[in-house]
Amino acid sequence: MKITDEILTAYLDGELSVDDIADVARQIDSSPELTRRVKDMRRNDASIAQAYHAIDSKPMPAGILDMLDKFPESQKTISEEETPTVLPFKTKPVMRTQAPIWQVAMAASVMLFVGLGAGRYLVPPPSSGGASAEKILAQQTTGVIGPDNKLFAVLEHQPSASPVRLAADSDTVVLPSMTFKTGDDKYCRAYRVIGQKSTSQNVACRMEDAWVVKISVGSAGATAAQNGLYQTASGEDNSAVTTVIRSLIKGDALSADDEQKVMQKNWP
């Protein structure tokens, strides 16, 4: 078996067969390069988990908590005539490609968007009798967040683990969760967007004077705020988003101090 990053990810997640696990383990034991790659991936996983834990255990600011508490109960049962919206992205026709983008198993409650250049491809989840497609956030977007987008300022200046309203008169909350560097020395940020009728988990990377969305996983239904703590609708980070972060991150996520320094230097 040829060992790729996808195989190593499946190995670390326990998603291979018993025979394949044994095969991969043998190759890791006999290859210093594979041993190093596995060590790096485990370190990255620990860094990602630590960032999400910091989010989930941090109390919400009182103002945002009050706003979330006022979200209508009807948000949990969205009418099939409605199309949930998180951000003012432009809608495009669905594009198809024969090449696999990300081979990630998705729950029936989400739609997966994968950034590819300036456009993104919509990958519907497998059907399992769950929520209908009409109740799922399903918008294809340009994938580029420029200075004219209110989210741009959030990604530029808002510290991780600190939620903020997208605009003063908006009920949409943006929560950056981590900042990290890629193998080609680009800065990326993972962040969550919480609206009254839908939520999304996202990763965007800074390219010149814009942020390019790499992945956005959206789902119908607002985020829960329990005991003053922020919690995602699923209660944990999304495996598809984590897979993308794994493929991009180099080293550990930036500390709060390092993140602040990078912001002050305008993302050098």
C-alpha atoms as a PDB file:
ATOM      1  CA  MET A   1       0.000   0.000   0.000  1.00  0.00           C
ATOM      2  CA  LYS A   2       1.276   3.453  -0.939  1.00  0.00           C
ATOM      3  CA  ILE A   3       1.121   5.705   2.106  1.00  0.00           C
ATOM      4  CA  THR A   4      -0.428   9.097   1.376  1.00  0.00           C
ATOM      5  CA  ASP A   5      -1.522  11.832   3.775  1.00  0.00           C
ATOM      6  CA  GLU A   6      -5.096  10.618   3.281  1.00  0.00           C
ATOM      7  CA  ILE A   7      -4.084   7.098   4.327  1.00  0.00           C
ATOM      8  CA  LEU A   8      -2.224   8.436   7.357  1.00  0.00           C
ATOM      9  CA  THR A   9      -5.236  10.526   8.344  1.00  0.00           C
ATOM     10  CA  ALA A  10      -7.498   7.481   8.107  1.00  0.00           C
ATOM     11  CA  TYR A  11      -4.932   5.478  10.096  1.00  0.00           C
ATOM     12  CA  LEU A  12      -4.835   8.050  12.906  1.00  0.00           C
ATOM     13  CA  ASP A  13      -8.632   8.245  12.931  1.00  0.00           C
ATOM     14  CA  GLY A  14      -9.001   4.455  13.104  1.00  0.00           C
ATOM     15  CA  GLU A  15     -10.891   4.331   9.819  1.00  0.00           C
ATOM     16  CA  LEU A  16      -8.837   1.612   8.106  1.00  0.00           C
ATOM     17  CA  SER A  17      -9.431  -2.109   8.152  1.00  0.00           C
ATOM     18  CA  VAL A  18      -7.461  -4.240  10.600  1.00  0.00           C
ATOM     19  CA  ASP A  19      -5.187  -5.527   7.825  1.00  0.00           C
ATOM     20  CA  ASP A  20      -4.555  -2.037   6.467  1.00  0.00           C
ATOM     21  CA  ILE A  21      -3.803  -0.703   9.949  1.00  0.00           C
ATOM     22  CA  ALA A  22      -1.201  -3.428  10.403  1.00  0.00           C
ATOM     23  CA  ASP A  23       0.297  -2.682   6.978  1.00  0.00           C
ATOM     24  CA  VAL A  24       0.533   1.054   7.661  1.00  0.00           C
ATOM     25  CA  ALA A  25       2.009   0.452  11.115  1.00  0.00           C
ATOM     26  CA  ARG A  26       4.732  -1.772   9.630  1.00  0.00           C
ATOM     27  CA  GLN A  27       5.645   0.852   7.057  1.00  0.00           C
ATOM     28  CA  ILE A  28       5.735   3.585   9.707  1.00  0.00           C
ATOM     29  CA  ASP A  29       8.056   1.497  11.890  1.00  0.00           C
ATOM     30  CA  SER A  30      10.468   0.979   9.000  1.00  0.00           C
ATOM     31  CA  SER A  31      10.441   4.537   7.634  1.00  0.00           C
ATOM     32  CA  PRO A  32      11.878   7.537   9.523  1.00  0.00           C
ATOM     33  CA  GLU A  33      10.081   9.847   7.068  1.00  0.00           C
ATOM     34  CA  LEU A  34       6.680   8.274   7.778  1.00  0.00           C
ATOM     35  CA  THR A  35       7.420   8.349  11.498  1.00  0.00           C
ATOM     36  CA  ARG A  36       8.117  12.088  11.245  1.00  0.00           C
ATOM     37  CA  ARG A  37       4.932  12.704   9.235  1.00  0.00           C
ATOM     38  CA  VAL A  38       2.798  10.830  11.766  1.00  0.00           C
ATOM     39  CA  LYS A  39       4.420  12.744  14.625  1.00  0.00           C
ATOM     40  CA  ASP A  40       3.690  16.047  12.869  1.00  0.00           C
ATOM     41  CA  MET A  41       0.077  15.067  12.185  1.00  0.00           C
ATOM     42  CA  ARG A  42      -0.483  14.069  15.812  1.00  0.00           C
ATOM     43  CA  ARG A  43       1.001  17.354  16.980  1.00  0.00           C
ATOM     44  CA  ASN A  44      -1.252  19.247  14.571  1.00  0.00           C
ATOM     45  CA  ASP A  45      -4.283  17.319  15.831  1.00  0.00           C
ATOM     46  CA  ALA A  46      -3.404  18.262  19.400  1.00  0.00           C
ATOM     47  CA  SER A  47      -3.057  21.917  18.390  1.00  0.00           C
ATOM     48  CA  ILE A  48      -6.428  21.883  16.604  1.00  0.00           C
ATOM     49  CA  ALA A  49      -8.131  20.163  19.535  1.00  0.00           C
ATOM     50  CA  GLN A  50      -6.657  22.677  21.967  1.00  0.00           C
ATOM     51  CA  ALA A  51      -7.966  25.592  19.902  1.00  0.00           C
ATOM     52  CA  TYR A  52     -11.487  24.170  19.768  1.00  0.00           C
ATOM     53  CA  HIS A  53     -11.402  23.369  23.483  1.00  0.00           C
ATOM     54  CA  ALA A  54     -10.491  26.991  24.205  1.00  0.00           C
ATOM     55  CA  ILE A  55     -13.572  28.076  22.243  1.00  0.00           C
ATOM     56  CA  ASP A  56     -15.987  25.616  23.817  1.00  0.00           C
ATOM     57  CA  SER A  57     -14.885  26.354  27.381  1.00  0.00           C
ATOM     58  CA  LYS A  58     -14.769  30.148  27.142  1.00  0.00           C
ATOM     59  CA  PRO A  59     -17.752  32.127  28.485  1.00  0.00           C
ATOM     60  CA  MET A  60     -19.684  34.130  25.918  1.00  0.00           C
ATOM     61  CA  PRO A  61     -19.771  37.936  26.254  1.00  0.00           C
ATOM     62  CA  ALA A  62     -23.031  38.942  27.920  1.00  0.00           C
ATOM     63  CA  GLY A  63     -24.247  41.003  24.966  1.00  0.00           C
ATOM     64  CA  ILE A  64     -23.831  38.186  22.455  1.00  0.00           C
ATOM     65  CA  LEU A  65     -25.246  35.623  24.873  1.00  0.00           C
ATOM     66  CA  ASP A  66     -28.369  37.764  25.299  1.00  0.00           C
ATOM     67  CA  MET A  67     -28.731  38.019  21.537  1.00  0.00           C
ATOM     68  CA  LEU A  68     -28.449  34.249  21.064  1.00  0.00           C
ATOM     69  CA  ASP A  69     -30.985  33.666  23.823  1.00  0.00           C
ATOM     70  CA  LYS A  70     -33.453  35.852  21.926  1.00  0.00           C
ATOM     71  CA  PHE A  71     -33.226  33.774  18.747  1.00  0.00           C
ATOM     72  CA  PRO A  72     -36.737  32.437  17.983  1.00  0.00           C
ATOM     73  CA  GLU A  73     -37.535  28.844  18.786  1.00  0.00           C
ATOM     74  CA  SER A  74     -38.814  28.468  15.228  1.00  0.00           C
ATOM     75  CA  GLN A  75     -35.215  28.519  13.985  1.00  0.00           C
ATOM     76  CA  LYS A  76     -34.979  24.802  14.725  1.00  0.00           C
ATOM     77  CA  THR A  77     -37.759  23.944  12.299  1.00  0.00           C
ATOM     78  CA  ILE A  78     -37.099  25.994   9.197  1.00  0.00           C
ATOM     79  CA  SER A  79     -39.820  26.021   6.566  1.00  0.00           C
ATOM     80  CA  GLU A  80     -38.926  24.143   3.414  1.00  0.00           C
ATOM     81  CA  GLU A  81     -39.783  27.279   1.446  1.00  0.00           C
ATOM     82  CA  GLU A  82     -36.913  29.127   3.131  1.00  0.00           C
ATOM     83  CA  THR A  83     -33.253  28.952   2.140  1.00  0.00           C
ATOM     84  CA  PRO A  84     -31.042  29.630   5.158  1.00  0.00           C
ATOM     85  CA  THR A  85     -28.401  32.303   4.689  1.00  0.00           C
ATOM     86  CA  VAL A  86     -25.282  32.876   6.761  1.00  0.00           C
ATOM     87  CA  LEU A  87     -23.283  35.379   4.714  1.00  0.00           C
ATOM     88  CA  PRO A  88     -24.034  37.555   1.655  1.00  0.00           C
ATOM     89  CA  PHE A  89     -22.149  35.312  -0.745  1.00  0.00           C
ATOM     90  CA  LYS A  90     -23.040  35.229  -4.435  1.00  0.00           C
ATOM     91  CA  THR A  91     -24.891  32.155  -5.636  1.00  0.00           C
ATOM     92  CA  LYS A  92     -23.640  30.308  -8.720  1.00  0.00           C
ATOM     93  CA  PRO A  93     -24.826  27.233 -10.616  1.00  0.00           C
ATOM     94  CA  VAL A  94     -23.442  23.994  -9.224  1.00  0.00           C
ATOM     95  CA  MET A  95     -20.277  22.905 -11.013  1.00  0.00           C
ATOM     96  CA  ARG A  96     -19.179  19.311 -11.448  1.00  0.00           C
ATOM     97  CA  THR A  97     -15.784  17.728 -11.742  1.00  0.00           C
ATOM     98  CA  GLN A  98     -14.602  14.151 -12.148  1.00  0.00           C
ATOM     99  CA  ALA A  99     -11.593  14.725  -9.947  1.00  0.00           C
ATOM    100  CA  PRO A 100     -12.152  14.081  -6.229  1.00  0.00           C
ATOM    101  CA  ILE A 101     -11.872  17.214  -4.129  1.00  0.00           C
ATOM    102  CA  TRP A 102     -12.058  15.892  -0.571  1.00  0.00           C
ATOM    103  CA  GLN A 103     -13.042  12.362   0.240  1.00  0.00           C
ATOM    104  CA  VAL A 104     -14.780  12.978   3.527  1.00  0.00           C
ATOM    105  CA  ALA A 105     -17.852  11.218   4.885  1.00  0.00           C
ATOM    106  CA  MET A 106     -20.454  13.847   5.716  1.00  0.00           C
ATOM    107  CA  ALA A 107     -23.526  13.657   7.918  1.00  0.00           C
ATOM    108  CA  ALA A 108     -26.900  14.213   6.279  1.00  0.00           C
ATOM    109  CA  SER A 109     -27.335  17.500   8.089  1.00  0.00           C
ATOM    110  CA  VAL A 110     -24.593  19.411   6.247  1.00  0.00           C
ATOM    111  CA  MET A 111     -23.552  20.468   2.773  1.00  0.00           C
ATOM    112  CA  LEU A 112     -19.852  20.646   1.993  1.00  0.00           C
ATOM    113  CA  PHE A 113     -18.267  23.487   0.065  1.00  0.00           C
ATOM    114  CA  VAL A 114     -14.623  23.160  -0.938  1.00  0.00           C
ATOM    115  CA  GLY A 115     -12.549  26.117  -2.064  1.00  0.00           C
ATOM    116  CA  LEU A 116     -10.820  25.598  -5.389  1.00  0.00           C
ATOM    117  CA  GLY A 117      -9.218  28.686  -6.903  1.00  0.00           C
ATOM    118  CA  ALA A 118     -11.736  31.496  -7.097  1.00  0.00           C
ATOM    119  CA  GLY A 119     -14.716  29.162  -7.196  1.00  0.00           C
ATOM    120  CA  ARG A 120     -16.106  26.403  -5.024  1.00  0.00           C
ATOM    121  CA  TYR A 121     -17.764  23.106  -5.659  1.00  0.00           C
ATOM    122  CA  LEU A 122     -20.871  21.909  -3.888  1.00  0.00           C
ATOM    123  CA  VAL A 123     -20.700  18.344  -2.599  1.00  0.00           C
ATOM    124  CA  PRO A 124     -24.078  17.125  -1.283  1.00  0.00           C
ATOM    125  CA  PRO A 125     -24.098  14.700   1.657  1.00  0.00           C
ATOM    126  CA  PRO A 126     -25.283  11.129   1.271  1.00  0.00           C
ATOM    127  CA  SER A 127     -28.999  10.680   1.801  1.00  0.00           C
ATOM    128  CA  SER A 128     -29.992   8.907   4.978  1.00  0.00           C
ATOM    129  CA  GLY A 129     -33.569   9.992   5.460  1.00  0.00           C
ATOM    130  CA  GLY A 130     -32.565  13.024   7.493  1.00  0.00           C
ATOM    131  CA  ALA A 131     -33.298  16.696   6.923  1.00  0.00           C
ATOM    132  CA  SER A 132     -34.423  17.597   3.414  1.00  0.00           C
ATOM    133  CA  ALA A 133     -32.077  19.525   1.153  1.00  0.00           C
ATOM    134  CA  GLU A 134     -34.372  22.549   1.399  1.00  0.00           C
ATOM    135  CA  LYS A 135     -33.629  22.752   5.112  1.00  0.00           C
ATOM    136  CA  ILE A 136     -29.883  22.692   4.612  1.00  0.00           C
ATOM    137  CA  LEU A 137     -27.648  25.661   3.964  1.00  0.00           C
ATOM    138  CA  ALA A 138     -26.753  25.179   0.299  1.00  0.00           C
ATOM    139  CA  GLN A 139     -25.152  28.172  -1.334  1.00  0.00           C
ATOM    140  CA  GLN A 140     -22.171  28.072  -3.655  1.00  0.00           C
ATOM    141  CA  THR A 141     -19.931  31.066  -3.267  1.00  0.00           C
ATOM    142  CA  THR A 142     -17.092  32.901  -4.916  1.00  0.00           C
ATOM    143  CA  GLY A 143     -14.785  31.880  -2.089  1.00  0.00           C
ATOM    144  CA  VAL A 144     -13.084  35.302  -1.918  1.00  0.00           C
ATOM    145  CA  ILE A 145     -13.630  37.692   1.007  1.00  0.00           C
ATOM    146  CA  GLY A 146     -12.468  41.166   0.026  1.00  0.00           C
ATOM    147  CA  PRO A 147     -12.321  44.474   1.926  1.00  0.00           C
ATOM    148  CA  ASP A 148     -15.903  45.277   0.886  1.00  0.00           C
ATOM    149  CA  ASN A 149     -17.172  42.246   2.826  1.00  0.00           C
ATOM    150  CA  LYS A 150     -17.875  42.858   6.524  1.00  0.00           C
ATOM    151  CA  LEU A 151     -16.292  39.508   7.325  1.00  0.00           C
ATOM    152  CA  PHE A 152     -12.948  40.810   6.010  1.00  0.00           C
ATOM    153  CA  ALA A 153     -12.449  43.142   8.984  1.00  0.00           C
ATOM    154  CA  VAL A 154     -13.301  40.333  11.396  1.00  0.00           C
ATOM    155  CA  LEU A 155     -10.690  38.010   9.897  1.00  0.00           C
ATOM    156  CA  GLU A 156      -8.147  40.837   9.814  1.00  0.00           C
ATOM    157  CA  HIS A 157      -8.505  42.074  13.383  1.00  0.00           C
ATOM    158  CA  GLN A 158     -10.652  39.874  15.657  1.00  0.00           C
ATOM    159  CA  PRO A 159      -8.648  37.655  18.061  1.00  0.00           C
ATOM    160  CA  SER A 160      -9.376  33.943  18.181  1.00  0.00           C
ATOM    161  CA  ALA A 161     -11.838  32.741  20.834  1.00  0.00           C
ATOM    162  CA  SER A 162     -13.476  36.190  20.877  1.00  0.00           C
ATOM    163  CA  PRO A 163     -16.931  36.278  19.246  1.00  0.00           C
ATOM    164  CA  VAL A 164     -18.137  39.455  17.564  1.00  0.00           C
ATOM    165  CA  ARG A 165     -21.244  40.606  15.698  1.00  0.00           C
ATOM    166  CA  LEU A 166     -20.735  40.757  11.945  1.00  0.00           C
ATOM    167  CA  ALA A 167     -22.168  44.287  12.094  1.00  0.00           C
ATOM    168  CA  ALA A 168     -23.586  46.512  14.818  1.00  0.00           C
ATOM    169  CA  ASP A 169     -27.128  45.975  13.553  1.00  0.00           C
ATOM    170  CA  SER A 170     -26.626  42.286  12.728  1.00  0.00           C
ATOM    171  CA  ASP A 171     -27.789  39.149  14.531  1.00  0.00           C
ATOM    172  CA  THR A 172     -24.961  37.182  12.907  1.00  0.00           C
ATOM    173  CA  VAL A 173     -22.018  36.304  15.158  1.00  0.00           C
ATOM    174  CA  VAL A 174     -18.535  35.434  13.902  1.00  0.00           C
ATOM    175  CA  LEU A 175     -16.219  33.439  16.154  1.00  0.00           C
ATOM    176  CA  PRO A 176     -12.594  32.981  14.998  1.00  0.00           C
ATOM    177  CA  SER A 177     -11.236  29.783  16.508  1.00  0.00           C
ATOM    178  CA  MET A 178      -7.583  29.640  15.444  1.00  0.00           C
ATOM    179  CA  THR A 179      -4.886  31.121  13.237  1.00  0.00           C
ATOM    180  CA  PHE A 180      -2.144  29.033  11.687  1.00  0.00           C
ATOM    181  CA  LYS A 181       0.551  29.047   9.014  1.00  0.00           C
ATOM    182  CA  THR A 182       0.636  26.795   5.972  1.00  0.00           C
ATOM    183  CA  GLY A 183       3.556  24.964   4.414  1.00  0.00           C
ATOM    184  CA  ASP A 184       4.003  27.836   1.936  1.00  0.00           C
ATOM    185  CA  ASP A 185       3.979  30.448   4.725  1.00  0.00           C
ATOM    186  CA  LYS A 186       0.434  31.725   4.199  1.00  0.00           C
ATOM    187  CA  TYR A 187      -1.767  32.609   7.150  1.00  0.00           C
ATOM    188  CA  CYS A 188      -5.132  30.885   7.543  1.00  0.00           C
ATOM    189  CA  ARG A 189      -7.952  31.233  10.044  1.00  0.00           C
ATOM    190  CA  ALA A 190     -10.668  28.845  11.125  1.00  0.00           C
ATOM    191  CA  TYR A 191     -13.884  30.552  12.153  1.00  0.00           C
ATOM    192  CA  ARG A 192     -17.557  29.916  12.823  1.00  0.00           C
ATOM    193  CA  VAL A 193     -20.527  31.976  11.693  1.00  0.00           C
ATOM    194  CA  ILE A 194     -23.706  31.749  13.765  1.00  0.00           C
ATOM    195  CA  GLY A 195     -26.982  33.063  12.406  1.00  0.00           C
ATOM    196  CA  GLN A 196     -30.594  32.801  13.512  1.00  0.00           C
ATOM    197  CA  LYS A 197     -31.388  30.020  11.046  1.00  0.00           C
ATOM    198  CA  SER A 198     -28.052  28.487  10.106  1.00  0.00           C
ATOM    199  CA  THR A 199     -24.439  28.101  11.140  1.00  0.00           C
ATOM    200  CA  SER A 200     -21.210  27.391   9.320  1.00  0.00           C
ATOM    201  CA  GLN A 201     -17.667  26.318  10.104  1.00  0.00           C
ATOM    202  CA  ASN A 202     -15.035  27.711   7.788  1.00  0.00           C
ATOM    203  CA  VAL A 203     -11.374  28.036   6.898  1.00  0.00           C
ATOM    204  CA  ALA A 204      -9.981  30.953   4.893  1.00  0.00           C
ATOM    205  CA  CYS A 205      -6.399  31.842   3.973  1.00  0.00           C
ATOM    206  CA  ARG A 206      -4.981  35.294   3.356  1.00  0.00           C
ATOM    207  CA  MET A 207      -3.851  35.909  -0.201  1.00  0.00           C
ATOM    208  CA  GLU A 208      -2.544  39.428  -0.905  1.00  0.00           C
ATOM    209  CA  ASP A 209      -5.418  41.754   0.064  1.00  0.00           C
ATOM    210  CA  ALA A 210      -8.205  39.198   0.478  1.00  0.00           C
ATOM    211  CA  TRP A 211      -9.154  36.027   2.324  1.00  0.00           C
ATOM    212  CA  VAL A 212      -9.807  32.963   0.161  1.00  0.00           C
ATOM    213  CA  VAL A 213     -12.273  30.453   1.594  1.00  0.00           C
ATOM    214  CA  LYS A 214     -10.902  26.910   1.532  1.00  0.00           C
ATOM    215  CA  ILE A 215     -13.911  25.171   3.030  1.00  0.00           C
ATOM    216  CA  SER A 216     -17.279  26.123   4.496  1.00  0.00           C
ATOM    217  CA  VAL A 217     -19.560  23.541   6.067  1.00  0.00           C
ATOM    218  CA  GLY A 218     -23.025  24.915   6.735  1.00  0.00           C
ATOM    219  CA  SER A 219     -26.002  23.429   8.521  1.00  0.00           C
ATOM    220  CA  ALA A 220     -29.539  24.543   9.276  1.00  0.00           C
ATOM    221  CA  GLY A 221     -30.332  25.364  12.892  1.00  0.00           C
ATOM    222  CA  ALA A 222     -28.707  27.914  15.123  1.00  0.00           C
ATOM    223  CA  THR A 223     -25.988  27.417  17.658  1.00  0.00           C
ATOM    224  CA  ALA A 224     -26.826  26.586  21.239  1.00  0.00           C
ATOM    225  CA  ALA A 225     -25.614  28.698  24.120  1.00  0.00           C
ATOM    226  CA  GLN A 226     -25.707  26.596  27.252  1.00  0.00           C
ATOM    227  CA  ASN A 227     -24.654  27.777  30.708  1.00  0.00           C
ATOM    228  CA  GLY A 228     -23.060  30.846  29.149  1.00  0.00           C
ATOM    229  CA  LEU A 229     -20.702  28.800  26.959  1.00  0.00           C
ATOM    230  CA  TYR A 230     -20.510  28.681  23.194  1.00  0.00           C
ATOM    231  CA  GLN A 231     -21.398  25.326  21.678  1.00  0.00           C
ATOM    232  CA  THR A 232     -21.715  24.291  18.054  1.00  0.00           C
ATOM    233  CA  ALA A 233     -24.911  22.612  16.898  1.00  0.00           C
ATOM    234  CA  SER A 234     -23.072  19.296  16.862  1.00  0.00           C
ATOM    235  CA  GLY A 235     -21.196  20.001  20.075  1.00  0.00           C
ATOM    236  CA  GLU A 236     -17.800  19.505  18.476  1.00  0.00           C
ATOM    237  CA  ASP A 237     -15.623  20.562  15.585  1.00  0.00           C
ATOM    238  CA  ASN A 238     -16.492  19.247  12.117  1.00  0.00           C
ATOM    239  CA  SER A 239     -14.395  16.393  10.724  1.00  0.00           C
ATOM    240  CA  ALA A 240     -14.377  17.865   7.193  1.00  0.00           C
ATOM    241  CA  VAL A 241     -13.041  21.178   8.454  1.00  0.00           C
ATOM    242  CA  THR A 242     -10.451  19.394  10.577  1.00  0.00           C
ATOM    243  CA  THR A 243      -9.324  17.404   7.529  1.00  0.00           C
ATOM    244  CA  VAL A 244      -8.741  20.604   5.570  1.00  0.00           C
ATOM    245  CA  ILE A 245      -6.841  22.182   8.471  1.00  0.00           C
ATOM    246  CA  ARG A 246      -4.673  19.078   8.712  1.00  0.00           C
ATOM    247  CA  SER A 247      -3.791  19.404   5.031  1.00  0.00           C
ATOM    248  CA  LEU A 248      -2.814  23.062   5.381  1.00  0.00           C
ATOM    249  CA  ILE A 249      -1.286  23.605   8.820  1.00  0.00           C
ATOM    250  CA  LYS A 250       2.446  23.696   9.450  1.00  0.00           C
ATOM    251  CA  GLY A 251       3.486  23.475  13.070  1.00  0.00           C
ATOM    252  CA  ASP A 252       1.185  24.607  15.854  1.00  0.00           C
ATOM    253  CA  ALA A 253      -1.620  27.117  15.757  1.00  0.00           C
ATOM    254  CA  LEU A 254      -0.459  30.614  16.659  1.00  0.00           C
ATOM    255  CA  SER A 255      -0.581  31.630  20.291  1.00  0.00           C
ATOM    256  CA  ALA A 256      -2.667  34.650  21.257  1.00  0.00           C
ATOM    257  CA  ASP A 257       0.471  36.806  21.496  1.00  0.00           C
ATOM    258  CA  ASP A 258       1.824  35.689  18.122  1.00  0.00           C
ATOM    259  CA  GLU A 259      -1.576  36.169  16.514  1.00  0.00           C
ATOM    260  CA  GLN A 260      -1.763  39.726  17.853  1.00  0.00           C
ATOM    261  CA  LYS A 261       1.725  40.519  16.531  1.00  0.00           C
ATOM    262  CA  VAL A 262       0.807  39.250  13.060  1.00  0.00           C
ATOM    263  CA  MET A 263      -2.346  41.363  13.036  1.00  0.00           C
ATOM    264  CA  GLN A 264      -0.421  44.460  14.120  1.00  0.00           C
ATOM    265  CA  LYS A 265       2.023  43.894  11.242  1.00  0.00           C
ATOM    266  CA  ASN A 266      -0.898  43.548   8.800  1.00  0.00           C
ATOM    267  CA  TRP A 267      -0.360  39.860   8.047  1.00  0.00           C
ATOM    268  CA  PRO A 268       3.195  40.043   6.634  1.00  0.00           C
END
